[in-house]
PDB file of all heavy atoms in Angstrom:
ATOM      1  N   THR A   1    -157.478 -66.405-101.117  1.00  0.00           N
ATOM      2  CA  THR A   1    -157.381 -66.699-102.507  1.00  0.00           C
ATOM      3  C   THR A   1    -158.134 -65.842-103.401  1.00  0.00           C
ATOM      4  O   THR A   1    -158.305 -66.219-104.606  1.00  0.00           O
ATOM      5  CB  THR A   1    -157.826 -68.150-102.675  1.00  0.00           C
ATOM      6  OG1 THR A   1    -159.129 -68.406-102.158  1.00  0.00           O
ATOM      7  CG2 THR A   1    -156.773 -69.154-101.905  1.00  0.00           C
ATOM      8  N   LEU A   2    -158.483 -64.677-102.992  1.00  0.00           N
ATOM      9  CA  LEU A   2    -159.055 -63.705-103.779  1.00  0.00           C
ATOM     10  C   LEU A   2    -160.173 -64.042-104.576  1.00  0.00           C
ATOM     11  O   LEU A   2    -161.254 -64.470-104.118  1.00  0.00           O
ATOM     12  CB  LEU A   2    -157.872 -63.025-104.544  1.00  0.00           C
ATOM     13  CG  LEU A   2    -156.682 -62.404-103.749  1.00  0.00           C
ATOM     14  CD1 LEU A   2    -155.551 -61.966-104.702  1.00  0.00           C
ATOM     15  CD2 LEU A   2    -157.131 -61.299-102.899  1.00  0.00           C
ATOM     16  N   THR A   3    -160.075 -64.053-105.973  1.00  0.00           N
ATOM     17  CA  THR A   3    -161.172 -64.310-106.858  1.00  0.00           C
ATOM     18  C   THR A   3    -161.649 -65.782-106.602  1.00  0.00           C
ATOM     19  O   THR A   3    -162.861 -66.125-106.791  1.00  0.00           O
ATOM     20  CB  THR A   3    -160.651 -64.219-108.348  1.00  0.00           C
ATOM     21  OG1 THR A   3    -160.126 -62.883-108.542  1.00  0.00           O
ATOM     22  CG2 THR A   3    -161.822 -64.510-109.347  1.00  0.00           C
ATOM     23  N   ALA A   4    -160.853 -66.715-106.119  1.00  0.00           N
ATOM     24  CA  ALA A   4    -161.230 -68.093-105.900  1.00  0.00           C
ATOM     25  C   ALA A   4    -161.833 -68.363-104.560  1.00  0.00           C
ATOM     26  O   ALA A   4    -162.537 -69.405-104.433  1.00  0.00           O
ATOM     27  CB  ALA A   4    -160.135 -68.943-106.082  1.00  0.00           C
ATOM     28  N   ALA A   5    -161.761 -67.406-103.733  1.00  0.00           N
ATOM     29  CA  ALA A   5    -162.117 -67.660-102.343  1.00  0.00           C
ATOM     30  C   ALA A   5    -163.548 -68.182-102.096  1.00  0.00           C
ATOM     31  O   ALA A   5    -163.798 -69.165-101.282  1.00  0.00           O
ATOM     32  CB  ALA A   5    -161.890 -66.387-101.393  1.00  0.00           C
ATOM     33  N   GLY A   6    -164.487 -67.449-102.694  1.00  0.00           N
ATOM     34  CA  GLY A   6    -165.935 -67.990-102.500  1.00  0.00           C
ATOM     35  C   GLY A   6    -166.093 -69.438-102.980  1.00  0.00           C
ATOM     36  O   GLY A   6    -166.943 -70.094-102.310  1.00  0.00           O
ATOM     37  N   ALA A   7    -165.515 -69.823-103.995  1.00  0.00           N
ATOM     38  CA  ALA A   7    -165.689 -71.185-104.493  1.00  0.00           C
ATOM     39  C   ALA A   7    -164.956 -72.187-103.625  1.00  0.00           C
ATOM     40  O   ALA A   7    -165.390 -73.270-103.220  1.00  0.00           O
ATOM     41  CB  ALA A   7    -165.161 -71.279-105.937  1.00  0.00           C
ATOM     42  N   VAL A   8    -163.755 -71.832-103.193  1.00  0.00           N
ATOM     43  CA  VAL A   8    -162.822 -72.635-102.332  1.00  0.00           C
ATOM     44  C   VAL A   8    -163.718 -72.935-101.113  1.00  0.00           C
ATOM     45  O   VAL A   8    -163.799 -74.092-100.570  1.00  0.00           O
ATOM     46  CB  VAL A   8    -161.486 -72.096-102.074  1.00  0.00           C
ATOM     47  CG1 VAL A   8    -160.829 -72.878-101.026  1.00  0.00           C
ATOM     48  CG2 VAL A   8    -160.721 -72.113-103.426  1.00  0.00           C
ATOM     49  N   GLU A   9    -164.107 -71.865-100.472  1.00  0.00           N
ATOM     50  CA  GLU A   9    -164.752 -72.012 -99.128  1.00  0.00           C
ATOM     51  C   GLU A   9    -166.194 -72.640 -99.274  1.00  0.00           C
ATOM     52  O   GLU A   9    -166.642 -73.336 -98.354  1.00  0.00           O
ATOM     53  CB  GLU A   9    -164.952 -70.542 -98.517  1.00  0.00           C
ATOM     54  CG  GLU A   9    -163.478 -70.152 -98.138  1.00  0.00           C
ATOM     55  CD  GLU A   9    -163.432 -68.592 -97.913  1.00  0.00           C
ATOM     56  OE1 GLU A   9    -164.434 -67.917 -97.933  1.00  0.00           O
ATOM     57  OE2 GLU A   9    -162.258 -68.223 -97.891  1.00  0.00           O
ATOM     58  N   ALA A  10    -166.791 -72.542-100.413  1.00  0.00           N
ATOM     59  CA  ALA A  10    -168.046 -73.350-100.653  1.00  0.00           C
ATOM     60  C   ALA A  10    -167.799 -74.817-100.644  1.00  0.00           C
ATOM     61  O   ALA A  10    -168.526 -75.631-100.050  1.00  0.00           O
ATOM     62  CB  ALA A  10    -168.855 -72.889-101.967  1.00  0.00           C
ATOM     63  N   VAL A  11    -166.601 -75.281-101.310  1.00  0.00           N
ATOM     64  CA  VAL A  11    -166.319 -76.671-101.303  1.00  0.00           C
ATOM     65  C   VAL A  11    -166.026 -77.138 -99.905  1.00  0.00           C
ATOM     66  O   VAL A  11    -166.527 -78.191 -99.421  1.00  0.00           O
ATOM     67  CB  VAL A  11    -165.106 -76.860-102.188  1.00  0.00           C
ATOM     68  CG1 VAL A  11    -164.418 -78.253-102.011  1.00  0.00           C
ATOM     69  CG2 VAL A  11    -165.351 -76.695-103.646  1.00  0.00           C
ATOM     70  N   PHE A  12    -165.289 -76.350 -99.191  1.00  0.00           N
ATOM     71  CA  PHE A  12    -164.959 -76.671 -97.695  1.00  0.00           C
ATOM     72  C   PHE A  12    -166.190 -76.762 -96.927  1.00  0.00           C
ATOM     73  O   PHE A  12    -166.309 -77.565 -95.975  1.00  0.00           O
ATOM     74  CB  PHE A  12    -163.983 -75.851 -97.103  1.00  0.00           C
ATOM     75  CG  PHE A  12    -162.580 -75.956 -97.726  1.00  0.00           C
ATOM     76  CD1 PHE A  12    -161.606 -74.869 -97.781  1.00  0.00           C
ATOM     77  CD2 PHE A  12    -162.225 -77.182 -98.185  1.00  0.00           C
ATOM     78  CE1 PHE A  12    -160.392 -75.084 -98.418  1.00  0.00           C
ATOM     79  CE2 PHE A  12    -160.817 -77.237 -98.761  1.00  0.00           C
ATOM     80  CZ  PHE A  12    -159.963 -76.247 -98.847  1.00  0.00           C
ATOM     81  N   SER A  13    -167.214 -75.815 -97.181  1.00  0.00           N
ATOM     82  CA  SER A  13    -168.445 -75.818 -96.353  1.00  0.00           C
ATOM     83  C   SER A  13    -169.227 -77.066 -96.604  1.00  0.00           C
ATOM     84  O   SER A  13    -169.826 -77.750 -95.618  1.00  0.00           O
ATOM     85  CB  SER A  13    -169.265 -74.653 -96.856  1.00  0.00           C
ATOM     86  OG  SER A  13    -168.656 -73.492 -96.488  1.00  0.00           O
ATOM     87  N   ILE A  14    -169.288 -77.597 -97.911  1.00  0.00           N
ATOM     88  CA  ILE A  14    -170.010 -78.760 -98.182  1.00  0.00           C
ATOM     89  C   ILE A  14    -169.303 -80.002 -97.544  1.00  0.00           C
ATOM     90  O   ILE A  14    -169.879 -80.933 -96.955  1.00  0.00           O
ATOM     91  CB  ILE A  14    -170.208 -78.915 -99.692  1.00  0.00           C
ATOM     92  CG1 ILE A  14    -171.093 -77.935-100.215  1.00  0.00           C
ATOM     93  CG2 ILE A  14    -170.791 -80.339-100.024  1.00  0.00           C
ATOM     94  CD1 ILE A  14    -171.284 -77.812-101.648  1.00  0.00           C
ATOM     95  N   GLN A  15    -168.001 -79.996 -97.629  1.00  0.00           N
ATOM     96  CA  GLN A  15    -167.225 -81.113 -96.981  1.00  0.00           C
ATOM     97  C   GLN A  15    -167.426 -81.098 -95.506  1.00  0.00           C
ATOM     98  O   GLN A  15    -167.333 -82.186 -94.927  1.00  0.00           O
ATOM     99  CB  GLN A  15    -165.681 -80.828 -97.347  1.00  0.00           C
ATOM    100  CG  GLN A  15    -164.798 -82.071 -97.066  1.00  0.00           C
ATOM    101  CD  GLN A  15    -165.045 -83.240 -97.933  1.00  0.00           C
ATOM    102  OE1 GLN A  15    -165.888 -83.171 -98.868  1.00  0.00           O
ATOM    103  NE2 GLN A  15    -164.318 -84.309 -97.707  1.00  0.00           N
ATOM    104  N   THR A  16    -167.525 -79.963 -94.879  1.00  0.00           N
ATOM    105  CA  THR A  16    -167.825 -79.858 -93.488  1.00  0.00           C
ATOM    106  C   THR A  16    -169.099 -80.740 -93.133  1.00  0.00           C
ATOM    107  O   THR A  16    -169.112 -81.474 -92.194  1.00  0.00           O
ATOM    108  CB  THR A  16    -167.993 -78.362 -93.035  1.00  0.00           C
ATOM    109  OG1 THR A  16    -166.799 -77.775 -93.144  1.00  0.00           O
ATOM    110  CG2 THR A  16    -168.441 -78.326 -91.532  1.00  0.00           C
ATOM    111  N   MET A  17    -170.191 -80.605 -93.941  1.00  0.00           N
ATOM    112  CA  MET A  17    -171.495 -81.240 -93.701  1.00  0.00           C
ATOM    113  C   MET A  17    -171.266 -82.729 -93.997  1.00  0.00           C
ATOM    114  O   MET A  17    -171.783 -83.557 -93.335  1.00  0.00           O
ATOM    115  CB  MET A  17    -172.514 -80.589 -94.477  1.00  0.00           C
ATOM    116  CG  MET A  17    -172.978 -79.283 -94.094  1.00  0.00           C
ATOM    117  SD  MET A  17    -174.313 -78.605 -95.014  1.00  0.00           S
ATOM    118  CE  MET A  17    -173.662 -78.414 -96.675  1.00  0.00           C
ATOM    119  N   LEU A  18    -170.541 -83.138 -95.050  1.00  0.00           N
ATOM    120  CA  LEU A  18    -170.393 -84.476 -95.489  1.00  0.00           C
ATOM    121  C   LEU A  18    -169.555 -85.162 -94.393  1.00  0.00           C
ATOM    122  O   LEU A  18    -169.935 -86.394 -94.155  1.00  0.00           O
ATOM    123  CB  LEU A  18    -169.591 -84.610 -96.719  1.00  0.00           C
ATOM    124  CG  LEU A  18    -170.310 -84.229 -98.058  1.00  0.00           C
ATOM    125  CD1 LEU A  18    -169.449 -84.183 -99.233  1.00  0.00           C
ATOM    126  CD2 LEU A  18    -171.464 -85.161 -98.184  1.00  0.00           C
ATOM    127  N   THR A  19    -168.584 -84.602 -93.640  1.00  0.00           N
ATOM    128  CA  THR A  19    -167.739 -85.325 -92.808  1.00  0.00           C
ATOM    129  C   THR A  19    -168.099 -85.116 -91.323  1.00  0.00           C
ATOM    130  O   THR A  19    -167.645 -85.856 -90.444  1.00  0.00           O
ATOM    131  CB  THR A  19    -166.247 -84.788 -93.043  1.00  0.00           C
ATOM    132  OG1 THR A  19    -166.133 -83.506 -92.608  1.00  0.00           O
ATOM    133  CG2 THR A  19    -165.811 -85.074 -94.385  1.00  0.00           C
ATOM    134  N   GLY A  20    -168.943 -84.096 -91.004  1.00  0.00           N
ATOM    135  CA  GLY A  20    -169.170 -83.754 -89.580  1.00  0.00           C
ATOM    136  C   GLY A  20    -167.983 -83.205 -88.853  1.00  0.00           C
ATOM    137  O   GLY A  20    -167.819 -83.369 -87.604  1.00  0.00           O
ATOM    138  N   THR A  21    -167.026 -82.621 -89.605  1.00  0.00           N
ATOM    139  CA  THR A  21    -165.854 -82.061 -89.029  1.00  0.00           C
ATOM    140  C   THR A  21    -165.789 -80.560 -89.290  1.00  0.00           C
ATOM    141  O   THR A  21    -165.890 -80.193 -90.431  1.00  0.00           O
ATOM    142  CB  THR A  21    -164.566 -82.766 -89.558  1.00  0.00           C
ATOM    143  OG1 THR A  21    -164.591 -84.163 -89.263  1.00  0.00           O
ATOM    144  CG2 THR A  21    -163.313 -82.250 -88.956  1.00  0.00           C
ATOM    145  N   LEU A  22    -165.601 -79.745 -88.269  1.00  0.00           N
ATOM    146  CA  LEU A  22    -165.535 -78.289 -88.449  1.00  0.00           C
ATOM    147  C   LEU A  22    -164.063 -77.960 -88.391  1.00  0.00           C
ATOM    148  O   LEU A  22    -163.339 -78.274 -87.385  1.00  0.00           O
ATOM    149  CB  LEU A  22    -166.215 -77.618 -87.217  1.00  0.00           C
ATOM    150  CG  LEU A  22    -167.707 -77.958 -86.957  1.00  0.00           C
ATOM    151  CD1 LEU A  22    -168.186 -77.052 -85.800  1.00  0.00           C
ATOM    152  CD2 LEU A  22    -168.601 -78.020 -88.098  1.00  0.00           C
ATOM    153  N   PRO A  23    -163.571 -77.371 -89.549  1.00  0.00           N
ATOM    154  CA  PRO A  23    -162.185 -77.009 -89.543  1.00  0.00           C
ATOM    155  C   PRO A  23    -161.851 -75.842 -88.584  1.00  0.00           C
ATOM    156  O   PRO A  23    -162.699 -75.060 -88.231  1.00  0.00           O
ATOM    157  CB  PRO A  23    -161.935 -76.524 -90.963  1.00  0.00           C
ATOM    158  CG  PRO A  23    -163.072 -76.883 -91.730  1.00  0.00           C
ATOM    159  CD  PRO A  23    -164.173 -77.024 -90.803  1.00  0.00           C
ATOM    160  N   PRO A  24    -160.606 -75.864 -88.066  1.00  0.00           N
ATOM    161  CA  PRO A  24    -160.227 -74.823 -86.980  1.00  0.00           C
ATOM    162  C   PRO A  24    -159.948 -73.532 -87.689  1.00  0.00           C
ATOM    163  O   PRO A  24    -159.710 -73.454 -88.861  1.00  0.00           O
ATOM    164  CB  PRO A  24    -159.011 -75.428 -86.422  1.00  0.00           C
ATOM    165  CG  PRO A  24    -158.394 -76.182 -87.395  1.00  0.00           C
ATOM    166  CD  PRO A  24    -159.598 -76.751 -88.255  1.00  0.00           C
ATOM    167  N   THR A  25    -159.875 -72.467 -86.928  1.00  0.00           N
ATOM    168  CA  THR A  25    -159.224 -71.300 -87.219  1.00  0.00           C
ATOM    169  C   THR A  25    -157.940 -71.290 -86.418  1.00  0.00           C
ATOM    170  O   THR A  25    -157.989 -71.126 -85.234  1.00  0.00           O
ATOM    171  CB  THR A  25    -160.092 -70.078 -86.746  1.00  0.00           C
ATOM    172  OG1 THR A  25    -161.248 -70.143 -87.431  1.00  0.00           O
ATOM    173  CG2 THR A  25    -159.361 -68.703 -87.194  1.00  0.00           C
ATOM    174  N   ILE A  26    -156.850 -71.439 -87.161  1.00  0.00           N
ATOM    175  CA  ILE A  26    -155.545 -71.497 -86.337  1.00  0.00           C
ATOM    176  C   ILE A  26    -155.053 -70.086 -86.018  1.00  0.00           C
ATOM    177  O   ILE A  26    -155.631 -69.060 -86.493  1.00  0.00           O
ATOM    178  CB  ILE A  26    -154.477 -72.331 -87.201  1.00  0.00           C
ATOM    179  CG1 ILE A  26    -154.157 -71.433 -88.395  1.00  0.00           C
ATOM    180  CG2 ILE A  26    -154.945 -73.575 -87.609  1.00  0.00           C
ATOM    181  CD1 ILE A  26    -152.891 -71.988 -89.161  1.00  0.00           C
ATOM    182  N   ASN A  27    -154.019 -69.972 -85.197  1.00  0.00           N
ATOM    183  CA  ASN A  27    -153.480 -68.812 -84.626  1.00  0.00           C
ATOM    184  C   ASN A  27    -154.586 -67.938 -83.755  1.00  0.00           C
ATOM    185  O   ASN A  27    -154.338 -66.736 -83.665  1.00  0.00           O
ATOM    186  CB  ASN A  27    -152.967 -67.934 -85.792  1.00  0.00           C
ATOM    187  CG  ASN A  27    -152.055 -68.612 -86.650  1.00  0.00           C
ATOM    188  OD1 ASN A  27    -151.194 -69.463 -86.232  1.00  0.00           O
ATOM    189  ND2 ASN A  27    -152.033 -68.334 -87.929  1.00  0.00           N
ATOM    190  N   TYR A  28    -155.562 -68.699 -83.395  1.00  0.00           N
ATOM    191  CA  TYR A  28    -156.562 -68.074 -82.505  1.00  0.00           C
ATOM    192  C   TYR A  28    -156.186 -68.089 -81.091  1.00  0.00           C
ATOM    193  O   TYR A  28    -156.625 -68.830 -80.310  1.00  0.00           O
ATOM    194  CB  TYR A  28    -157.956 -68.544 -82.760  1.00  0.00           C
ATOM    195  CG  TYR A  28    -159.085 -67.881 -82.215  1.00  0.00           C
ATOM    196  CD1 TYR A  28    -159.542 -66.569 -82.746  1.00  0.00           C
ATOM    197  CD2 TYR A  28    -159.810 -68.170 -80.965  1.00  0.00           C
ATOM    198  CE1 TYR A  28    -160.613 -65.943 -82.147  1.00  0.00           C
ATOM    199  CE2 TYR A  28    -160.765 -67.517 -80.379  1.00  0.00           C
ATOM    200  CZ  TYR A  28    -161.208 -66.251 -81.053  1.00  0.00           C
ATOM    201  OH  TYR A  28    -162.243 -65.585 -80.558  1.00  0.00           O
ATOM    202  N   LEU A  29    -155.217 -67.282 -80.689  1.00  0.00           N
ATOM    203  CA  LEU A  29    -154.543 -67.306 -79.346  1.00  0.00           C
ATOM    204  C   LEU A  29    -154.771 -66.119 -78.526  1.00  0.00           C
ATOM    205  O   LEU A  29    -154.669 -66.082 -77.277  1.00  0.00           O
ATOM    206  CB  LEU A  29    -153.084 -67.515 -79.492  1.00  0.00           C
ATOM    207  CG  LEU A  29    -152.575 -68.738 -80.180  1.00  0.00           C
ATOM    208  CD1 LEU A  29    -151.176 -68.724 -80.464  1.00  0.00           C
ATOM    209  CD2 LEU A  29    -152.976 -70.039 -79.529  1.00  0.00           C
ATOM    210  N   ASN A  30    -155.198 -64.978 -79.232  1.00  0.00           N
ATOM    211  CA  ASN A  30    -155.456 -63.704 -78.467  1.00  0.00           C
ATOM    212  C   ASN A  30    -156.715 -63.145 -79.038  1.00  0.00           C
ATOM    213  O   ASN A  30    -156.751 -62.156 -79.776  1.00  0.00           O
ATOM    214  CB  ASN A  30    -154.194 -62.737 -78.783  1.00  0.00           C
ATOM    215  CG  ASN A  30    -154.322 -61.561 -77.989  1.00  0.00           C
ATOM    216  OD1 ASN A  30    -155.186 -61.379 -76.952  1.00  0.00           O
ATOM    217  ND2 ASN A  30    -153.612 -60.494 -78.414  1.00  0.00           N
ATOM    218  N   PRO A  31    -157.840 -63.690 -78.543  1.00  0.00           N
ATOM    219  CA  PRO A  31    -159.209 -63.282 -79.175  1.00  0.00           C
ATOM    220  C   PRO A  31    -159.443 -61.781 -78.995  1.00  0.00           C
ATOM    221  O   PRO A  31    -159.085 -61.295 -77.975  1.00  0.00           O
ATOM    222  CB  PRO A  31    -160.184 -64.076 -78.450  1.00  0.00           C
ATOM    223  CG  PRO A  31    -159.503 -65.226 -77.955  1.00  0.00           C
ATOM    224  CD  PRO A  31    -158.068 -64.774 -77.599  1.00  0.00           C
ATOM    225  N   ASP A  32    -159.998 -61.107 -80.042  1.00  0.00           N
ATOM    226  CA  ASP A  32    -160.470 -59.760 -79.848  1.00  0.00           C
ATOM    227  C   ASP A  32    -161.619 -59.755 -78.957  1.00  0.00           C
ATOM    228  O   ASP A  32    -162.754 -60.270 -79.281  1.00  0.00           O
ATOM    229  CB  ASP A  32    -160.765 -59.220 -81.243  1.00  0.00           C
ATOM    230  CG  ASP A  32    -161.160 -57.715 -81.252  1.00  0.00           C
ATOM    231  OD1 ASP A  32    -161.462 -57.216 -80.271  1.00  0.00           O
ATOM    232  OD2 ASP A  32    -161.016 -57.093 -82.371  1.00  0.00           O
ATOM    233  N   PRO A  33    -161.574 -59.044 -77.764  1.00  0.00           N
ATOM    234  CA  PRO A  33    -162.732 -59.015 -76.849  1.00  0.00           C
ATOM    235  C   PRO A  33    -163.851 -58.345 -77.485  1.00  0.00           C
ATOM    236  O   PRO A  33    -165.043 -58.430 -76.973  1.00  0.00           O
ATOM    237  CB  PRO A  33    -162.115 -58.361 -75.715  1.00  0.00           C
ATOM    238  CG  PRO A  33    -161.014 -57.459 -76.196  1.00  0.00           C
ATOM    239  CD  PRO A  33    -160.433 -58.248 -77.296  1.00  0.00           C
ATOM    240  N   ALA A  34    -163.714 -57.583 -78.618  1.00  0.00           N
ATOM    241  CA  ALA A  34    -164.910 -56.846 -79.132  1.00  0.00           C
ATOM    242  C   ALA A  34    -165.665 -57.704 -80.129  1.00  0.00           C
ATOM    243  O   ALA A  34    -166.603 -57.341 -80.636  1.00  0.00           O
ATOM    244  CB  ALA A  34    -164.456 -55.675 -79.821  1.00  0.00           C
ATOM    245  N   ILE A  35    -165.073 -58.988 -80.430  1.00  0.00           N
ATOM    246  CA  ILE A  35    -165.678 -59.828 -81.423  1.00  0.00           C
ATOM    247  C   ILE A  35    -165.970 -61.192 -80.645  1.00  0.00           C
ATOM    248  O   ILE A  35    -165.062 -61.985 -80.406  1.00  0.00           O
ATOM    249  CB  ILE A  35    -164.644 -60.064 -82.609  1.00  0.00           C
ATOM    250  CG1 ILE A  35    -164.417 -58.841 -83.343  1.00  0.00           C
ATOM    251  CG2 ILE A  35    -165.340 -61.102 -83.502  1.00  0.00           C
ATOM    252  CD1 ILE A  35    -163.477 -58.947 -84.525  1.00  0.00           C
TER     253      ILE A  35
END
């Protein structure tokens, strides 16, 4: 979301702490072995 990304992700970060739920990273089917 470009210019909005840092604010959007801050909201989701706080919501993570409030709910005790970690959002997934979808499409994570072929992990980069270097990461």
